[in-house]
Protein backbone atom coordinates (compact mmCIF):
# COMPACT_ATOMS: atom_id res chain seq x y z
CA MET A 1 29.81 14.23 6.27
CA LYS A 2 31.83 12.91 3.35
CA ILE A 3 34.86 15.14 3.01
CA LEU A 4 37.56 15.25 0.34
CA TYR A 5 40.77 17.09 1.21
CA ILE A 6 43.03 18.38 -1.58
CA ASN A 7 46.63 19.40 -0.92
CA ALA A 8 49.93 19.37 -2.77
CA LEU A 9 51.41 16.67 -0.52
CA TYR A 10 50.26 14.18 2.09
CA ALA A 11 52.03 11.82 4.46
CA PRO A 12 54.50 10.28 4.25
CA ASP A 13 55.50 13.20 1.99
CA ILE A 14 55.91 16.12 4.39
CA ALA A 15 57.25 19.48 3.18
CA GLY A 16 56.28 21.57 6.19
CA GLY A 17 53.72 22.48 8.79
CA ALA A 18 50.79 22.46 6.37
CA GLU A 19 51.13 18.72 5.82
CA ILE A 20 51.49 18.05 9.55
CA SER A 21 48.38 20.08 10.34
CA LEU A 22 46.38 18.52 7.52
CA LYS A 23 47.11 15.00 8.72
CA LEU A 24 45.94 15.92 12.22
CA ILE A 25 42.75 17.46 10.81
CA VAL A 26 41.98 14.52 8.52
CA GLU A 27 42.54 11.90 11.20
CA GLY A 28 40.66 13.97 13.75
CA MET A 29 37.65 14.25 11.46
CA GLN A 30 37.76 10.53 10.78
CA ALA A 31 37.84 9.85 14.52
CA LYS A 32 34.67 11.94 14.82
CA GLY A 33 32.92 9.53 12.45
CA HIS A 34 33.20 11.47 9.17
CA ASP A 35 34.08 9.71 5.91
CA VAL A 36 37.32 11.33 4.78
CA SER A 37 39.66 10.98 1.83
CA VAL A 38 42.66 12.90 0.51
CA LEU A 39 43.86 13.82 -2.98
CA CYS A 40 47.51 14.85 -3.32
CA LEU A 41 50.38 14.94 -5.82
CA VAL A 42 53.23 12.57 -6.65
CA PRO A 43 55.91 12.78 -9.36
CA GLU A 44 54.88 9.46 -10.95
CA THR A 45 52.27 9.51 -13.72
CA GLY A 46 48.67 8.36 -13.33
CA LEU A 47 46.33 8.06 -10.37
CA ARG A 48 46.76 5.51 -7.62
CA SER A 49 45.42 5.07 -4.12
CA ASP A 50 46.61 3.73 -0.81
CA ARG A 51 45.86 4.08 2.88
CA VAL A 52 47.76 6.05 5.48
CA ASP A 53 46.76 5.31 9.06
CA GLY A 54 43.34 4.18 7.88
CA VAL A 55 42.72 7.18 5.58
CA ARG A 56 42.08 6.74 1.83
CA VAL A 57 44.70 8.70 -0.08
CA TYR A 58 44.60 9.26 -3.84
CA ARG A 59 47.94 10.25 -5.38
CA ALA A 60 47.89 11.99 -8.75
CA GLY A 61 50.88 12.40 -11.04
CA LEU A 62 51.77 16.06 -11.48
CA ARG A 63 51.38 17.19 -15.08
CA ASN A 64 54.00 19.88 -15.38
CA SER A 65 57.60 20.16 -16.56
CA TYR A 66 59.28 19.04 -13.32
CA TRP A 67 58.63 17.96 -9.73
CA PRO A 68 59.09 21.08 -7.57
CA PHE A 69 59.49 19.49 -4.15
CA THR A 70 63.24 18.82 -4.24
CA LYS A 71 66.37 20.56 -3.05
CA GLU A 72 67.43 21.29 -6.63
CA ARG A 73 66.56 24.70 -8.10
CA PRO A 74 65.83 24.68 -11.87
CA GLY A 75 66.92 27.54 -14.09
CA LYS A 76 64.97 30.77 -14.32
CA LEU A 77 63.32 29.98 -17.66
CA SER A 78 62.31 26.50 -16.48
CA ARG A 79 60.74 27.97 -13.34
CA LEU A 80 58.87 30.58 -15.37
CA GLY A 81 57.48 27.91 -17.69
CA TRP A 82 56.40 25.81 -14.72
CA HIS A 83 54.58 28.74 -13.10
CA VAL A 84 52.90 29.76 -16.36
CA ARG A 85 51.37 26.30 -16.63
CA ASP A 86 50.57 26.27 -12.92
CA ARG A 87 48.56 29.48 -13.24
CA TYR A 88 45.65 27.38 -14.46
CA ASN A 89 46.66 23.74 -14.95
CA ARG A 90 43.65 22.41 -16.79
CA SER A 91 45.26 18.99 -17.22
CA MET A 92 44.97 18.35 -13.46
CA GLN A 93 41.19 18.59 -13.57
CA VAL A 94 40.83 15.04 -14.87
CA TYR A 95 42.16 13.65 -11.58
CA VAL A 96 39.76 15.78 -9.57
CA ARG A 97 36.84 14.71 -11.74
CA GLU A 98 37.69 11.03 -11.33
CA VAL A 99 38.06 11.23 -7.54
CA LEU A 100 34.87 13.26 -7.17
CA GLN A 101 33.00 10.56 -9.08
CA LEU A 102 34.52 7.85 -6.90
CA GLU A 103 34.01 9.60 -3.56
CA ARG A 104 30.95 11.85 -4.13
CA PRO A 105 31.86 14.09 -1.18
CA ASP A 106 29.52 16.55 0.49
CA VAL A 107 32.27 19.16 0.70
CA VAL A 108 35.85 19.64 -0.52
CA SER A 109 38.46 21.24 1.72
CA CYS A 110 41.27 22.70 -0.40
CA HIS A 111 44.61 23.48 1.21
CA ASN A 112 47.89 24.21 -0.60
CA LEU A 113 47.05 24.19 -4.32
CA VAL A 114 50.55 24.51 -5.75
CA GLY A 115 50.68 22.07 -8.67
CA TRP A 116 46.90 21.84 -8.76
CA SER A 117 46.10 25.52 -9.40
CA ILE A 118 42.62 26.98 -9.05
CA ALA A 119 41.55 24.84 -12.00
CA VAL A 120 40.42 22.41 -9.30
CA TRP A 121 37.91 24.98 -8.01
CA ASP A 122 36.10 25.00 -11.35
CA GLU A 123 35.96 21.20 -11.48
CA ILE A 124 34.53 21.00 -7.96
CA ARG A 125 31.99 23.73 -8.63
CA ARG A 126 30.85 21.97 -11.81
CA ALA A 127 29.99 19.03 -9.57
CA GLY A 128 27.89 21.34 -7.37
CA ILE A 129 30.03 20.73 -4.28
CA PRO A 130 30.91 23.53 -1.80
CA ILE A 131 34.58 24.44 -1.39
CA VAL A 132 36.32 25.52 1.80
CA GLN A 133 39.72 27.07 1.00
CA VAL A 134 42.29 26.96 3.79
CA LEU A 135 45.13 29.50 3.56
CA HIS A 136 48.49 28.16 4.70
CA ASP A 137 50.67 30.42 2.53
CA MET A 138 50.56 33.12 -0.16
CA TYR A 139 50.29 30.78 -3.17
CA LEU A 140 47.00 32.30 -4.34
CA LEU A 141 48.71 35.72 -4.40
CA SER A 142 52.20 34.86 -5.59
CA PRO A 143 53.82 31.97 -7.49
CA ASN A 144 56.63 31.76 -4.93
CA SER A 145 54.03 31.36 -2.15
CA THR A 146 55.69 34.04 -0.01
CA LEU A 147 54.84 37.46 -1.53
CA PHE A 148 58.43 38.38 -0.70
CA ARG A 149 60.99 40.12 -2.90
CA LYS A 150 64.27 42.00 -2.60
CA GLY A 151 64.60 41.02 1.05
CA GLN A 152 61.24 42.49 2.09
CA PRO A 153 57.60 41.38 2.36
CA ALA A 154 55.84 42.96 -0.61
CA PRO A 155 52.76 44.99 0.34
CA ARG A 156 51.37 44.46 -3.15
CA GLN A 157 51.81 41.94 -5.94
CA ASP A 158 54.68 42.62 -8.31
CA PRO A 159 53.78 42.71 -12.04
CA MET A 160 54.70 39.06 -12.63
CA SER A 161 52.70 37.85 -9.62
CA TRP A 162 49.77 39.99 -10.72
CA LEU A 163 49.91 38.49 -14.21
CA LEU A 164 50.26 34.89 -13.03
CA ARG A 165 47.40 35.37 -10.59
CA LEU A 166 45.11 37.27 -12.97
CA GLY A 167 41.52 36.22 -12.31
CA TYR A 168 42.24 34.58 -8.95
CA ARG A 169 40.67 37.40 -6.95
CA ARG A 170 37.41 37.15 -8.91
CA GLN A 171 37.39 33.36 -8.69
CA SER A 172 38.02 33.44 -4.94
CA ARG A 173 34.56 34.92 -4.42
CA LYS A 174 33.02 31.65 -5.52
CA VAL A 175 34.26 29.43 -2.70
CA ALA A 176 31.83 28.69 0.12
CA ALA A 177 34.21 29.73 2.90
CA ALA A 178 37.82 30.79 3.46
CA VAL A 179 39.90 29.87 6.51
CA GLY A 180 43.16 31.54 7.50
CA ILE A 181 45.52 29.77 9.88
CA SER A 182 46.12 33.21 11.41
CA ASN A 183 44.55 36.65 11.39
CA SER A 184 47.66 37.89 9.62
CA ILE A 185 47.37 35.69 6.54
CA LEU A 186 43.62 36.17 6.19
CA GLU A 187 44.02 39.95 6.41
CA ARG A 188 46.65 39.88 3.64
CA PHE A 189 44.19 38.24 1.26
CA VAL A 190 41.33 40.51 2.25
CA ALA A 191 43.57 43.55 1.66
CA HIS A 192 44.12 42.29 -1.88
CA GLY A 193 40.38 41.99 -2.46
CA TYR A 194 40.14 38.20 -2.16
CA PHE A 195 37.14 36.32 -0.76
CA ALA A 196 34.77 39.29 -0.97
CA ASP A 197 31.30 38.41 0.38
CA VAL A 198 32.61 34.97 1.41
CA PRO A 199 32.32 33.77 5.03
CA ARG A 200 35.80 34.00 6.53
CA TYR A 201 37.24 32.30 9.60
CA VAL A 202 40.51 32.08 11.51
CA ILE A 203 41.48 28.67 12.86
CA HIS A 204 44.90 28.47 14.47
CA ASN A 205 46.86 25.29 13.93
CA ALA A 206 47.49 23.02 16.89
CA ARG A 207 49.92 20.31 17.94
CA ASP A 208 49.94 17.67 20.63
CA ILE A 209 53.10 18.65 22.50
CA PRO A 210 53.43 16.83 25.83
CA ALA A 211 54.63 18.77 28.84
CA VAL A 212 58.26 17.94 29.55
CA GLY A 213 58.62 19.30 33.03
CA GLY A 214 59.04 22.90 34.04
CA PRO A 215 61.29 25.56 32.55
CA ARG A 216 65.01 25.40 33.14
CA MET A 217 65.97 28.38 35.26
CA ARG A 218 69.25 30.05 34.32
CA ARG A 219 71.96 31.24 36.70
CA PRO A 220 74.25 34.22 36.22
CA GLY A 221 77.29 33.46 34.10
CA GLN A 222 75.84 30.44 32.30
CA PRO A 223 76.50 30.26 28.54
CA LEU A 224 73.35 30.70 26.41
CA ALA A 225 72.48 27.92 23.97
CA ILE A 226 70.54 29.41 21.06
CA GLY A 227 68.67 27.30 18.52
CA TYR A 228 67.12 27.62 15.07
CA ILE A 229 65.08 24.82 13.50
CA GLY A 230 63.48 24.92 10.08
CA THR A 231 64.23 25.36 6.40
CA LEU A 232 67.60 26.93 5.65
CA SER A 233 66.62 29.71 3.25
CA ALA A 234 66.96 33.45 2.81
CA VAL A 235 63.32 34.23 3.67
CA LYS A 236 63.71 32.40 6.99
CA GLY A 237 66.33 34.92 8.13
CA VAL A 238 69.17 32.44 8.66
CA GLU A 239 71.80 34.91 7.41
CA TRP A 240 70.46 37.59 9.77
CA LEU A 241 70.68 35.18 12.69
CA ILE A 242 74.23 34.05 11.95
CA THR A 243 75.60 37.57 11.49
CA GLN A 244 73.82 38.91 14.58
CA PHE A 245 74.92 35.98 16.74
CA ARG A 246 78.52 36.50 15.69
CA ALA A 247 78.27 40.24 16.40
CA SER A 248 76.55 39.76 19.77
CA GLY A 249 79.74 38.71 21.54
CA ILE A 250 77.85 36.58 24.07
CA GLU A 251 79.24 33.47 25.66
CA GLY A 252 77.22 30.63 24.18
CA SER A 253 76.45 28.59 21.09
CA LEU A 254 74.15 28.58 18.07
CA ARG A 255 72.69 25.29 16.84
CA ILE A 256 71.11 25.39 13.38
CA ALA A 257 68.84 22.45 12.58
CA GLY A 258 67.23 21.68 9.24
CA ARG A 259 68.09 21.53 5.57
CA GLY A 260 67.76 23.75 2.52
CA ARG A 261 68.77 23.93 -1.10
CA ALA A 262 72.40 22.95 -1.60
CA GLU A 263 73.55 26.44 -2.62
CA ASP A 264 71.78 28.00 0.38
CA GLU A 265 73.35 25.58 2.84
CA GLN A 266 76.79 26.23 1.36
CA TYR A 267 76.30 29.98 1.67
CA PHE A 268 75.19 29.83 5.31
CA ARG A 269 78.04 27.52 6.25
CA GLY A 270 80.40 30.02 4.65
CA LEU A 271 78.99 32.80 6.83
CA ALA A 272 79.69 30.70 9.93
CA ARG A 273 83.14 29.54 8.86
CA GLY A 274 85.76 29.99 11.55
CA ASP A 275 83.28 30.24 14.42
CA SER A 276 83.29 26.98 16.37
CA ARG A 277 80.28 28.15 18.41
CA ILE A 278 77.99 27.71 15.39
CA LEU A 279 76.91 24.14 14.67
CA PHE A 280 74.86 22.87 11.71
CA VAL A 281 73.16 19.74 13.00
CA GLY A 282 70.92 18.81 10.03
CA TYR A 283 67.66 16.98 10.58
CA VAL A 284 66.93 16.40 14.26
CA ASN A 285 64.23 15.05 16.52
CA PRO A 286 62.58 18.31 17.65
CA PRO A 287 61.96 17.32 21.31
CA ASP A 288 65.63 16.37 21.66
CA PHE A 289 66.68 19.61 19.98
CA TYR A 290 64.57 21.76 22.30
CA ARG A 291 66.06 20.03 25.33
CA ASP A 292 69.54 21.08 24.20
CA ILE A 293 68.86 24.81 23.83
CA ASP A 294 67.88 27.70 26.11
CA VAL A 295 66.16 29.99 23.61
CA LEU A 296 64.62 29.50 20.17
CA VAL A 297 65.05 32.12 17.44
CA VAL A 298 62.54 32.44 14.57
CA PRO A 299 64.06 35.26 12.48
CA SER A 300 61.79 35.05 9.42
CA LEU A 301 62.03 37.95 7.00
CA TRP A 302 58.79 37.11 5.22
CA GLU A 303 55.30 37.24 6.69
CA GLU A 304 55.06 33.81 8.31
CA PRO A 305 51.45 32.61 8.01
CA LEU A 306 51.58 31.47 11.64
CA GLY A 307 54.96 30.08 12.64
CA MET A 308 54.19 26.84 14.45
CA VAL A 309 57.86 26.38 15.27
CA ALA A 310 57.51 29.31 17.68
CA VAL A 311 54.58 27.52 19.33
CA GLU A 312 56.68 24.38 19.65
CA GLY A 313 59.50 26.29 21.29
CA LEU A 314 57.16 28.01 23.73
CA ALA A 315 55.42 24.72 24.53
CA ASN A 316 58.84 23.37 25.46
CA ASN A 317 59.26 26.18 28.01
CA LEU A 318 61.67 28.19 25.87
CA PRO A 319 61.58 31.95 25.46
CA VAL A 320 61.36 32.78 21.74
CA ILE A 321 63.05 35.60 19.87
CA ALA A 322 61.05 36.20 16.69
CA SER A 323 60.49 38.68 13.88
CA ASN A 324 57.60 41.07 14.36
CA ARG A 325 56.10 39.95 11.06
CA GLY A 326 53.08 37.92 10.07
CA GLY A 327 51.51 35.33 12.32
CA LEU A 328 54.51 35.29 14.67
CA ARG A 329 52.99 38.34 16.34
CA GLU A 330 49.99 36.20 17.31
CA THR A 331 52.05 33.72 19.31
CA VAL A 332 55.13 35.60 20.54
CA VAL A 333 54.16 38.46 22.85
CA ASP A 334 57.02 40.86 23.47
CA GLY A 335 57.91 40.95 27.15
CA LYS A 336 55.55 38.12 28.06
CA ASN A 337 56.97 34.95 26.47
CA GLY A 338 59.73 36.30 24.26
CA ILE A 339 61.16 39.24 22.37
CA LEU A 340 60.04 40.57 18.98
CA CYS A 341 62.68 42.00 16.65
CA ASN A 342 62.39 44.20 13.58
CA PRO A 343 64.22 42.97 10.47
CA ASP A 344 64.31 46.62 9.31
CA GLU A 345 66.50 47.26 12.37
CA PRO A 346 69.05 44.43 12.02
CA ASP A 347 70.80 45.08 15.32
CA SER A 348 67.53 44.47 17.19
CA LEU A 349 68.19 40.73 16.94
CA GLY A 350 71.67 41.06 18.45
CA HIS A 351 70.26 43.22 21.23
CA ALA A 352 67.65 40.53 22.03
CA ILE A 353 70.28 37.79 22.10
CA ARG A 354 72.45 39.81 24.47
CA ALA A 355 69.45 40.68 26.65
CA LEU A 356 68.57 37.04 27.28
CA GLY A 357 72.20 36.09 27.71
CA GLN A 358 72.91 38.77 30.31
CA ASP A 359 69.59 39.36 32.11
CA VAL A 360 68.94 36.08 33.91
CA GLU A 361 65.88 37.42 35.73
CA ARG A 362 64.26 38.45 32.45
CA TYR A 363 65.07 35.10 30.85
CA ASN A 364 63.56 33.16 33.75
CA ARG A 365 60.39 35.26 33.76
CA LEU A 366 59.82 34.65 30.03
CA ALA A 367 60.57 30.93 30.35
CA GLU A 368 58.08 30.51 33.19
CA ALA A 369 55.29 32.05 31.09
CA ALA A 370 56.14 30.29 27.83
CA ARG A 371 54.03 27.12 27.79
CA ALA A 372 50.90 28.60 29.36
CA SER A 373 50.94 31.41 26.79
CA VAL A 374 50.22 29.00 23.91
CA GLY A 375 47.65 26.78 25.59
CA GLU A 376 45.16 27.33 22.74
CA TYR A 377 47.63 25.85 20.26
CA LEU A 378 48.12 22.64 22.23
CA HIS A 379 44.60 21.26 21.76
CA VAL A 380 44.21 19.44 18.44
CA GLU A 381 40.60 18.65 19.36
CA ARG A 382 39.89 22.39 19.40
CA MET A 383 41.32 22.80 15.89
CA VAL A 384 39.43 19.80 14.51
CA SER A 385 36.12 20.91 16.05
CA GLU A 386 36.47 24.40 14.58
CA TYR A 387 37.04 22.95 11.09
CA GLU A 388 34.09 20.62 11.61
CA ASN A 389 31.88 23.62 12.42
CA VAL A 390 32.93 25.42 9.21
CA LEU A 391 32.32 22.35 7.05
CA ARG A 392 28.93 21.77 8.64
CA ALA A 393 28.00 25.41 8.04
CA VAL A 394 28.69 25.27 4.29
CA THR A 395 26.99 21.92 3.81
CA THR A 396 23.95 22.91 5.87
CA ASP A 397 23.59 26.13 3.91
CA GLY A 398 23.91 24.17 0.69
CA THR A 399 26.14 26.92 -0.61
CA ALA A 400 28.26 25.68 -3.49
CA HIS A 401 28.65 29.15 -5.05
């Protein structure tokens, strides 16, 4: 098959797990003998191409008022203007048209469409090519990609999201297939009426995470090293973690790895001020980070599409404390490999931290089960083969919708 992948970013530009997963998929499909190419965004004008690890990558200049993938946060009116144009950015279609003419793919696999908008769907359909839409986040439901407001996951679209996504539900019925990276994210779209009468699949992401020996068994009285790694933002629950760690009273430390917008980082550092047990360590090499902690906390307040960081922690033999929201419930099983907490009951996180700090037997039992519990997520070949099957199905059927 000749496959074109469309995403907001592509290596070496990595914003999160979607880009990591996409690179694994693209390279895996190329290794299987398929002819693959990628179309992504850059801030510079025009269309250029290069190669990344043998893959053809087209980079198109974003036609909007600013480049959104920075730590700076524009003003409210600027953001509104950007999202209004991004609702249906017709000016981005020219890039898609040009690359389709150059590549003539059998199928197009669309991933995160922020910056592109669903205008790309119409251009692909005009060419008579089937579309497989992969759902990594809530972009097709909400301009902020999270469907999260006032500190809570929103069960429905707010009026502004509804307006800026007007017509998306109807248009979504015209793709050849939809893939959710978890049951949770796919069910959210289905509940909103998306992808009606469209074949739907769930394909969990995967990572190659080598085994690094067995779990580290704890002994009574040992301090507990707690870790967080990821974006430092409100929806990720960093404030909840800091306040609950401080209130827990356990003997131990909290290492916070990652970066966020400048104002967010300043706020979180202010919450931790005066507590020498809390360390902000910035960007880190994840394997090294996991070796330095005893338990990973993933306290997301929004509905994480999957939460691969939880998988990484478990694969490194660490019990995981996580929110009982979104795709995290598909990897962290309460009482088996970790503890699930309810953000609506804030003290539940502090209780979980104290439980693993004080109950050594419980900690050791969860640690011993951690890696085996996520075996499915440690086989990239499985993920690639499942995507290959979906792409073959839509091209065999000849369904371009």
